[in-house]
Amino acid sequence: MKLRGLHVALTMATLGLAFINPLTGGVAALVLGIVTGFVGGHIVLTRIGPHGRVAPVARIYAALGWPVRTSS
């Protein structure tokens, strides 16, 4: 629920920014989309494990200093 609330707050802030300055809002939306996708990918890999076909993606996270450790 916390993650959902954060996502809604970021969406509303980006929408407000887009009404004030569309170019800045567009850039902010792009950056937030990339960041939230990256964080979400890490959460999914933590839950399913870094094995099989997703192992190359897990190695990317490890190379960036954020290794995937499975949740227990």
PDB file of N, CA and C in Angstrom:
ATOM      1  N   MET A   1       0.819  -1.201   0.000  1.00  0.00           N
ATOM      2  CA  MET A   1       0.000   0.000   0.000  1.00  0.00           C
ATOM      3  C   MET A   1       0.861   1.263   0.000  1.00  0.00           C
ATOM      4  N   LYS A   2       1.996   1.183   0.702  1.00  0.00           N
ATOM      5  CA  LYS A   2       2.882   2.352   0.728  1.00  0.00           C
ATOM      6  C   LYS A   2       3.395   2.664  -0.673  1.00  0.00           C
ATOM      7  N   LEU A   3       3.770   1.615  -1.393  1.00  0.00           N
ATOM      8  CA  LEU A   3       4.294   1.803  -2.746  1.00  0.00           C
ATOM      9  C   LEU A   3       3.217   2.368  -3.666  1.00  0.00           C
ATOM     10  N   ARG A   4       2.000   1.884  -3.513  1.00  0.00           N
ATOM     11  CA  ARG A   4       0.892   2.391  -4.319  1.00  0.00           C
ATOM     12  C   ARG A   4       0.619   3.866  -4.005  1.00  0.00           C
ATOM     13  N   GLY A   5       0.634   4.209  -2.729  1.00  0.00           N
ATOM     14  CA  GLY A   5       0.423   5.603  -2.340  1.00  0.00           C
ATOM     15  C   GLY A   5       1.517   6.512  -2.881  1.00  0.00           C
ATOM     16  N   LEU A   6       2.757   6.044  -2.818  1.00  0.00           N
ATOM     17  CA  LEU A   6       3.867   6.825  -3.363  1.00  0.00           C
ATOM     18  C   LEU A   6       3.700   7.017  -4.865  1.00  0.00           C
ATOM     19  N   HIS A   7       3.269   5.972  -5.543  1.00  0.00           N
ATOM     20  CA  HIS A   7       3.082   6.057  -6.985  1.00  0.00           C
ATOM     21  C   HIS A   7       1.985   7.066  -7.342  1.00  0.00           C
ATOM     22  N   VAL A   8       0.897   7.049  -6.597  1.00  0.00           N
ATOM     23  CA  VAL A   8      -0.191   8.003  -6.841  1.00  0.00           C
ATOM     24  C   VAL A   8       0.292   9.432  -6.586  1.00  0.00           C
ATOM     25  N   ALA A   9       1.046   9.633  -5.501  1.00  0.00           N
ATOM     26  CA  ALA A   9       1.556  10.972  -5.190  1.00  0.00           C
ATOM     27  C   ALA A   9       2.498  11.471  -6.286  1.00  0.00           C
ATOM     28  N   LEU A  10       3.383  10.606  -6.763  1.00  0.00           N
ATOM     29  CA  LEU A  10       4.300  11.008  -7.840  1.00  0.00           C
ATOM     30  C   LEU A  10       3.538  11.315  -9.122  1.00  0.00           C
ATOM     31  N   THR A  11       2.506  10.534  -9.401  1.00  0.00           N
ATOM     32  CA  THR A  11       1.691  10.776 -10.592  1.00  0.00           C
ATOM     33  C   THR A  11       0.993  12.126 -10.520  1.00  0.00           C
ATOM     34  N   MET A  12       0.413  12.417  -9.371  1.00  0.00           N
ATOM     35  CA  MET A  12      -0.292  13.696  -9.215  1.00  0.00           C
ATOM     36  C   MET A  12       0.680  14.877  -9.300  1.00  0.00           C
ATOM     37  N   ALA A  13       1.860  14.725  -8.704  1.00  0.00           N
ATOM     38  CA  ALA A  13       2.853  15.793  -8.770  1.00  0.00           C
ATOM     39  C   ALA A  13       3.319  16.020 -10.212  1.00  0.00           C
ATOM     40  N   THR A  14       3.532  14.933 -10.944  1.00  0.00           N
ATOM     41  CA  THR A  14       3.950  15.051 -12.336  1.00  0.00           C
ATOM     42  C   THR A  14       2.858  15.685 -13.186  1.00  0.00           C
ATOM     43  N   LEU A  15       1.619  15.309 -12.938  1.00  0.00           N
ATOM     44  CA  LEU A  15       0.498  15.915 -13.667  1.00  0.00           C
ATOM     45  C   LEU A  15       0.407  17.410 -13.382  1.00  0.00           C
ATOM     46  N   GLY A  16       0.560  17.793 -12.124  1.00  0.00           N
ATOM     47  CA  GLY A  16       0.548  19.209 -11.772  1.00  0.00           C
ATOM     48  C   GLY A  16       1.680  19.968 -12.439  1.00  0.00           C
ATOM     49  N   LEU A  17       2.859  19.354 -12.456  1.00  0.00           N
ATOM     50  CA  LEU A  17       4.015  19.970 -13.106  1.00  0.00           C
ATOM     51  C   LEU A  17       3.770  20.122 -14.610  1.00  0.00           C
ATOM     52  N   ALA A  18       3.135  19.123 -15.209  1.00  0.00           N
ATOM     53  CA  ALA A  18       2.858  19.179 -16.649  1.00  0.00           C
ATOM     54  C   ALA A  18       1.882  20.307 -16.989  1.00  0.00           C
ATOM     55  N   PHE A  19       0.929  20.596 -16.091  1.00  0.00           N
ATOM     56  CA  PHE A  19       0.014  21.709 -16.333  1.00  0.00           C
ATOM     57  C   PHE A  19       0.735  23.048 -16.258  1.00  0.00           C
ATOM     58  N   ILE A  20       1.723  23.142 -15.354  1.00  0.00           N
ATOM     59  CA  ILE A  20       2.475  24.392 -15.185  1.00  0.00           C
ATOM     60  C   ILE A  20       3.482  24.582 -16.314  1.00  0.00           C
ATOM     61  N   ASN A  21       4.248  23.529 -16.593  1.00  0.00           N
ATOM     62  CA  ASN A  21       5.276  23.591 -17.632  1.00  0.00           C
ATOM     63  C   ASN A  21       5.313  22.232 -18.342  1.00  0.00           C
ATOM     64  N   PRO A  22       4.701  22.115 -19.506  1.00  0.00           N
ATOM     65  CA  PRO A  22       4.581  20.820 -20.175  1.00  0.00           C
ATOM     66  C   PRO A  22       5.915  20.133 -20.478  1.00  0.00           C
ATOM     67  N   LEU A  23       6.911  20.886 -20.889  1.00  0.00           N
ATOM     68  CA  LEU A  23       8.201  20.271 -21.206  1.00  0.00           C
ATOM     69  C   LEU A  23       8.833  19.671 -19.959  1.00  0.00           C
ATOM     70  N   THR A  24       8.847  20.419 -18.872  1.00  0.00           N
ATOM     71  CA  THR A  24       9.402  19.915 -17.620  1.00  0.00           C
ATOM     72  C   THR A  24       8.603  18.725 -17.122  1.00  0.00           C
ATOM     73  N   GLY A  25       7.287  18.779 -17.251  1.00  0.00           N
ATOM     74  CA  GLY A  25       6.442  17.666 -16.851  1.00  0.00           C
ATOM     75  C   GLY A  25       6.732  16.415 -17.657  1.00  0.00           C
ATOM     76  N   GLY A  26       6.963  16.576 -18.948  1.00  0.00           N
ATOM     77  CA  GLY A  26       7.297  15.441 -19.804  1.00  0.00           C
ATOM     78  C   GLY A  26       8.625  14.813 -19.432  1.00  0.00           C
ATOM     79  N   VAL A  27       9.616  15.651 -19.166  1.00  0.00           N
ATOM     80  CA  VAL A  27      10.935  15.136 -18.755  1.00  0.00           C
ATOM     81  C   VAL A  27      10.818  14.432 -17.398  1.00  0.00           C
ATOM     82  N   ALA A  28      10.082  15.041 -16.479  1.00  0.00           N
ATOM     83  CA  ALA A  28       9.898  14.431 -15.159  1.00  0.00           C
ATOM     84  C   ALA A  28       9.180  13.092 -15.282  1.00  0.00           C
ATOM     85  N   ALA A  29       8.178  13.012 -16.149  1.00  0.00           N
ATOM     86  CA  ALA A  29       7.450  11.757 -16.346  1.00  0.00           C
ATOM     87  C   ALA A  29       8.369  10.674 -16.900  1.00  0.00           C
ATOM     88  N   LEU A  30       9.228  11.042 -17.841  1.00  0.00           N
ATOM     89  CA  LEU A  30      10.170  10.084 -18.407  1.00  0.00           C
ATOM     90  C   LEU A  30      11.142   9.578 -17.346  1.00  0.00           C
ATOM     91  N   VAL A  31      11.713  10.491 -16.583  1.00  0.00           N
ATOM     92  CA  VAL A  31      12.666  10.106 -15.535  1.00  0.00           C
ATOM     93  C   VAL A  31      11.986   9.245 -14.473  1.00  0.00           C
ATOM     94  N   LEU A  32      10.809   9.662 -14.013  1.00  0.00           N
ATOM     95  CA  LEU A  32      10.094   8.884 -13.000  1.00  0.00           C
ATOM     96  C   LEU A  32       9.690   7.514 -13.527  1.00  0.00           C
ATOM     97  N   GLY A  33       9.325   7.426 -14.784  1.00  0.00           N
ATOM     98  CA  GLY A  33       8.991   6.134 -15.381  1.00  0.00           C
ATOM     99  C   GLY A  33      10.175   5.183 -15.389  1.00  0.00           C
ATOM    100  N   ILE A  34      11.330   5.693 -15.751  1.00  0.00           N
ATOM    101  CA  ILE A  34      12.536   4.864 -15.775  1.00  0.00           C
ATOM    102  C   ILE A  34      12.908   4.425 -14.370  1.00  0.00           C
ATOM    103  N   VAL A  35      12.895   5.363 -13.425  1.00  0.00           N
ATOM    104  CA  VAL A  35      13.276   5.040 -12.051  1.00  0.00           C
ATOM    105  C   VAL A  35      12.300   4.045 -11.425  1.00  0.00           C
ATOM    106  N   THR A  36      11.009   4.282 -11.560  1.00  0.00           N
ATOM    107  CA  THR A  36      10.050   3.364 -10.949  1.00  0.00           C
ATOM    108  C   THR A  36      10.072   1.997 -11.635  1.00  0.00           C
ATOM    109  N   GLY A  37      10.321   1.966 -12.933  1.00  0.00           N
ATOM    110  CA  GLY A  37      10.473   0.685 -13.626  1.00  0.00           C
ATOM    111  C   GLY A  37      11.681  -0.085 -13.137  1.00  0.00           C
ATOM    112  N   PHE A  38      12.773   0.621 -12.902  1.00  0.00           N
ATOM    113  CA  PHE A  38      14.000  -0.005 -12.414  1.00  0.00           C
ATOM    114  C   PHE A  38      13.802  -0.562 -11.005  1.00  0.00           C
ATOM    115  N   VAL A  39      13.184   0.232 -10.142  1.00  0.00           N
ATOM    116  CA  VAL A  39      12.923  -0.219  -8.768  1.00  0.00           C
ATOM    117  C   VAL A  39      11.926  -1.377  -8.780  1.00  0.00           C
ATOM    118  N   GLY A  40      10.893  -1.279  -9.582  1.00  0.00           N
ATOM    119  CA  GLY A  40       9.909  -2.354  -9.678  1.00  0.00           C
ATOM    120  C   GLY A  40      10.525  -3.648 -10.197  1.00  0.00           C
ATOM    121  N   GLY A  41      11.408  -3.538 -11.155  1.00  0.00           N
ATOM    122  CA  GLY A  41      12.108  -4.716 -11.661  1.00  0.00           C
ATOM    123  C   GLY A  41      12.919  -5.398 -10.583  1.00  0.00           C
ATOM    124  N   HIS A  42      13.556  -4.600  -9.740  1.00  0.00           N
ATOM    125  CA  HIS A  42      14.338  -5.164  -8.647  1.00  0.00           C
ATOM    126  C   HIS A  42      13.427  -5.878  -7.645  1.00  0.00           C
ATOM    127  N   ILE A  43      12.281  -5.293  -7.368  1.00  0.00           N
ATOM    128  CA  ILE A  43      11.333  -5.917  -6.436  1.00  0.00           C
ATOM    129  C   ILE A  43      10.846  -7.255  -7.001  1.00  0.00           C
ATOM    130  N   VAL A  44      10.528  -7.297  -8.283  1.00  0.00           N
ATOM    131  CA  VAL A  44      10.064  -8.535  -8.901  1.00  0.00           C
ATOM    132  C   VAL A  44      11.164  -9.592  -8.871  1.00  0.00           C
ATOM    133  N   LEU A  45      12.385  -9.218  -9.222  1.00  0.00           N
ATOM    134  CA  LEU A  45      13.492 -10.180  -9.205  1.00  0.00           C
ATOM    135  C   LEU A  45      13.764 -10.689  -7.799  1.00  0.00           C
ATOM    136  N   THR A  46      13.586  -9.842  -6.793  1.00  0.00           N
ATOM    137  CA  THR A  46      13.774 -10.276  -5.414  1.00  0.00           C
ATOM    138  C   THR A  46      12.748 -11.346  -5.056  1.00  0.00           C
ATOM    139  N   ARG A  47      11.553 -11.202  -5.560  1.00  0.00           N
ATOM    140  CA  ARG A  47      10.485 -12.160  -5.229  1.00  0.00           C
ATOM    141  C   ARG A  47      10.599 -13.468  -6.019  1.00  0.00           C
ATOM    142  N   ILE A  48      10.979 -13.404  -7.299  1.00  0.00           N
ATOM    143  CA  ILE A  48      11.025 -14.634  -8.102  1.00  0.00           C
ATOM    144  C   ILE A  48      12.399 -15.286  -8.109  1.00  0.00           C
ATOM    145  N   GLY A  49      13.422 -14.550  -7.751  1.00  0.00           N
ATOM    146  CA  GLY A  49      14.776 -15.095  -7.737  1.00  0.00           C
ATOM    147  C   GLY A  49      15.509 -14.812  -9.039  1.00  0.00           C
ATOM    148  N   PRO A  50      16.812 -14.635  -8.929  1.00  0.00           N
ATOM    149  CA  PRO A  50      17.608 -14.275 -10.112  1.00  0.00           C
ATOM    150  C   PRO A  50      18.101 -15.494 -10.891  1.00  0.00           C
ATOM    151  N   HIS A  51      17.203 -16.393 -11.248  1.00  0.00           N
ATOM    152  CA  HIS A  51      17.590 -17.623 -11.922  1.00  0.00           C
ATOM    153  C   HIS A  51      16.923 -17.708 -13.289  1.00  0.00           C
ATOM    154  N   GLY A  52      17.451 -18.592 -14.118  1.00  0.00           N
ATOM    155  CA  GLY A  52      16.840 -18.850 -15.423  1.00  0.00           C
ATOM    156  C   GLY A  52      17.009 -17.703 -16.392  1.00  0.00           C
ATOM    157  N   ARG A  53      15.920 -17.392 -17.090  1.00  0.00           N
ATOM    158  CA  ARG A  53      15.981 -16.378 -18.150  1.00  0.00           C
ATOM    159  C   ARG A  53      16.185 -14.968 -17.632  1.00  0.00           C
ATOM    160  N   VAL A  54      15.930 -14.721 -16.349  1.00  0.00           N
ATOM    161  CA  VAL A  54      16.099 -13.371 -15.809  1.00  0.00           C
ATOM    162  C   VAL A  54      17.497 -13.147 -15.222  1.00  0.00           C
ATOM    163  N   ALA A  55      18.349 -14.164 -15.273  1.00  0.00           N
ATOM    164  CA  ALA A  55      19.702 -14.044 -14.715  1.00  0.00           C
ATOM    165  C   ALA A  55      20.500 -12.893 -15.337  1.00  0.00           C
ATOM    166  N   PRO A  56      20.423 -12.652 -16.654  1.00  0.00           N
ATOM    167  CA  PRO A  56      21.165 -11.516 -17.209  1.00  0.00           C
ATOM    168  C   PRO A  56      20.717 -10.170 -16.642  1.00  0.00           C
ATOM    169  N   VAL A  57      19.418 -10.037 -16.386  1.00  0.00           N
ATOM    170  CA  VAL A  57      18.916  -8.793 -15.801  1.00  0.00           C
ATOM    171  C   VAL A  57      19.432  -8.651 -14.373  1.00  0.00           C
ATOM    172  N   ALA A  58      19.463  -9.752 -13.629  1.00  0.00           N
ATOM    173  CA  ALA A  58      19.982  -9.727 -12.262  1.00  0.00           C
ATOM    174  C   ALA A  58      21.458  -9.329 -12.255  1.00  0.00           C
ATOM    175  N   ARG A  59      22.197  -9.750 -13.265  1.00  0.00           N
ATOM    176  CA  ARG A  59      23.611  -9.356 -13.354  1.00  0.00           C
ATOM    177  C   ARG A  59      23.764  -7.859 -13.604  1.00  0.00           C
ATOM    178  N   ILE A  60      22.830  -7.253 -14.321  1.00  0.00           N
ATOM    179  CA  ILE A  60      22.867  -5.802 -14.541  1.00  0.00           C
ATOM    180  C   ILE A  60      22.705  -5.071 -13.214  1.00  0.00           C
ATOM    181  N   TYR A  61      21.746  -5.518 -12.407  1.00  0.00           N
ATOM    182  CA  TYR A  61      21.566  -4.900 -11.089  1.00  0.00           C
ATOM    183  C   TYR A  61      22.813  -5.077 -10.238  1.00  0.00           C
ATOM    184  N   ALA A  62      23.437  -6.260 -10.284  1.00  0.00           N
ATOM    185  CA  ALA A  62      24.656  -6.506  -9.507  1.00  0.00           C
ATOM    186  C   ALA A  62      25.794  -5.602  -9.980  1.00  0.00           C
ATOM    187  N   ALA A  63      25.902  -5.411 -11.301  1.00  0.00           N
ATOM    188  CA  ALA A  63      26.955  -4.549 -11.837  1.00  0.00           C
ATOM    189  C   ALA A  63      26.771  -3.097 -11.421  1.00  0.00           C
ATOM    190  N   LEU A  64      25.525  -2.703 -11.195  1.00  0.00           N
ATOM    191  CA  LEU A  64      25.244  -1.338 -10.763  1.00  0.00           C
ATOM    192  C   LEU A  64      25.333  -1.165  -9.243  1.00  0.00           C
ATOM    193  N   GLY A  65      25.710  -2.253  -8.563  1.00  0.00           N
ATOM    194  CA  GLY A  65      25.897  -2.174  -7.113  1.00  0.00           C
ATOM    195  C   GLY A  65      24.640  -2.424  -6.309  1.00  0.00           C
ATOM    196  N   TRP A  66      23.617  -3.019  -6.925  1.00  0.00           N
ATOM    197  CA  TRP A  66      22.366  -3.308  -6.238  1.00  0.00           C
ATOM    198  C   TRP A  66      21.980  -4.752  -6.532  1.00  0.00           C
ATOM    199  N   PRO A  67      22.754  -5.701  -5.950  1.00  0.00           N
ATOM    200  CA  PRO A  67      22.507  -7.117  -6.276  1.00  0.00           C
ATOM    201  C   PRO A  67      21.136  -7.584  -5.795  1.00  0.00           C
ATOM    202  N   VAL A  68      20.608  -8.554  -6.498  1.00  0.00           N
ATOM    203  CA  VAL A  68      19.301  -9.123  -6.173  1.00  0.00           C
ATOM    204  C   VAL A  68      19.514 -10.256  -5.178  1.00  0.00           C
ATOM    205  N   ARG A  69      18.906 -10.112  -4.025  1.00  0.00           N
ATOM    206  CA  ARG A  69      18.929 -11.168  -3.016  1.00  0.00           C
ATOM    207  C   ARG A  69      17.497 -11.648  -2.843  1.00  0.00           C
ATOM    208  N   THR A  70      17.285 -12.933  -2.914  1.00  0.00           N
ATOM    209  CA  THR A  70      15.928 -13.446  -2.816  1.00  0.00           C
ATOM    210  C   THR A  70      15.381 -13.245  -1.421  1.00  0.00           C
ATOM    211  N   SER A  71      14.083 -12.961  -1.361  1.00  0.00           N
ATOM    212  CA  SER A  71      13.436 -12.780  -0.067  1.00  0.00           C
ATOM    213  C   SER A  71      13.144 -14.147   0.530  1.00  0.00           C
ATOM    214  N   SER A  72      13.188 -14.221   1.841  1.00  0.00           N
ATOM    215  CA  SER A  72      12.934 -15.518   2.469  1.00  0.00           C
ATOM    216  C   SER A  72      11.653 -15.534   3.250  1.00  0.00           C
TER     217      SER A  72
END
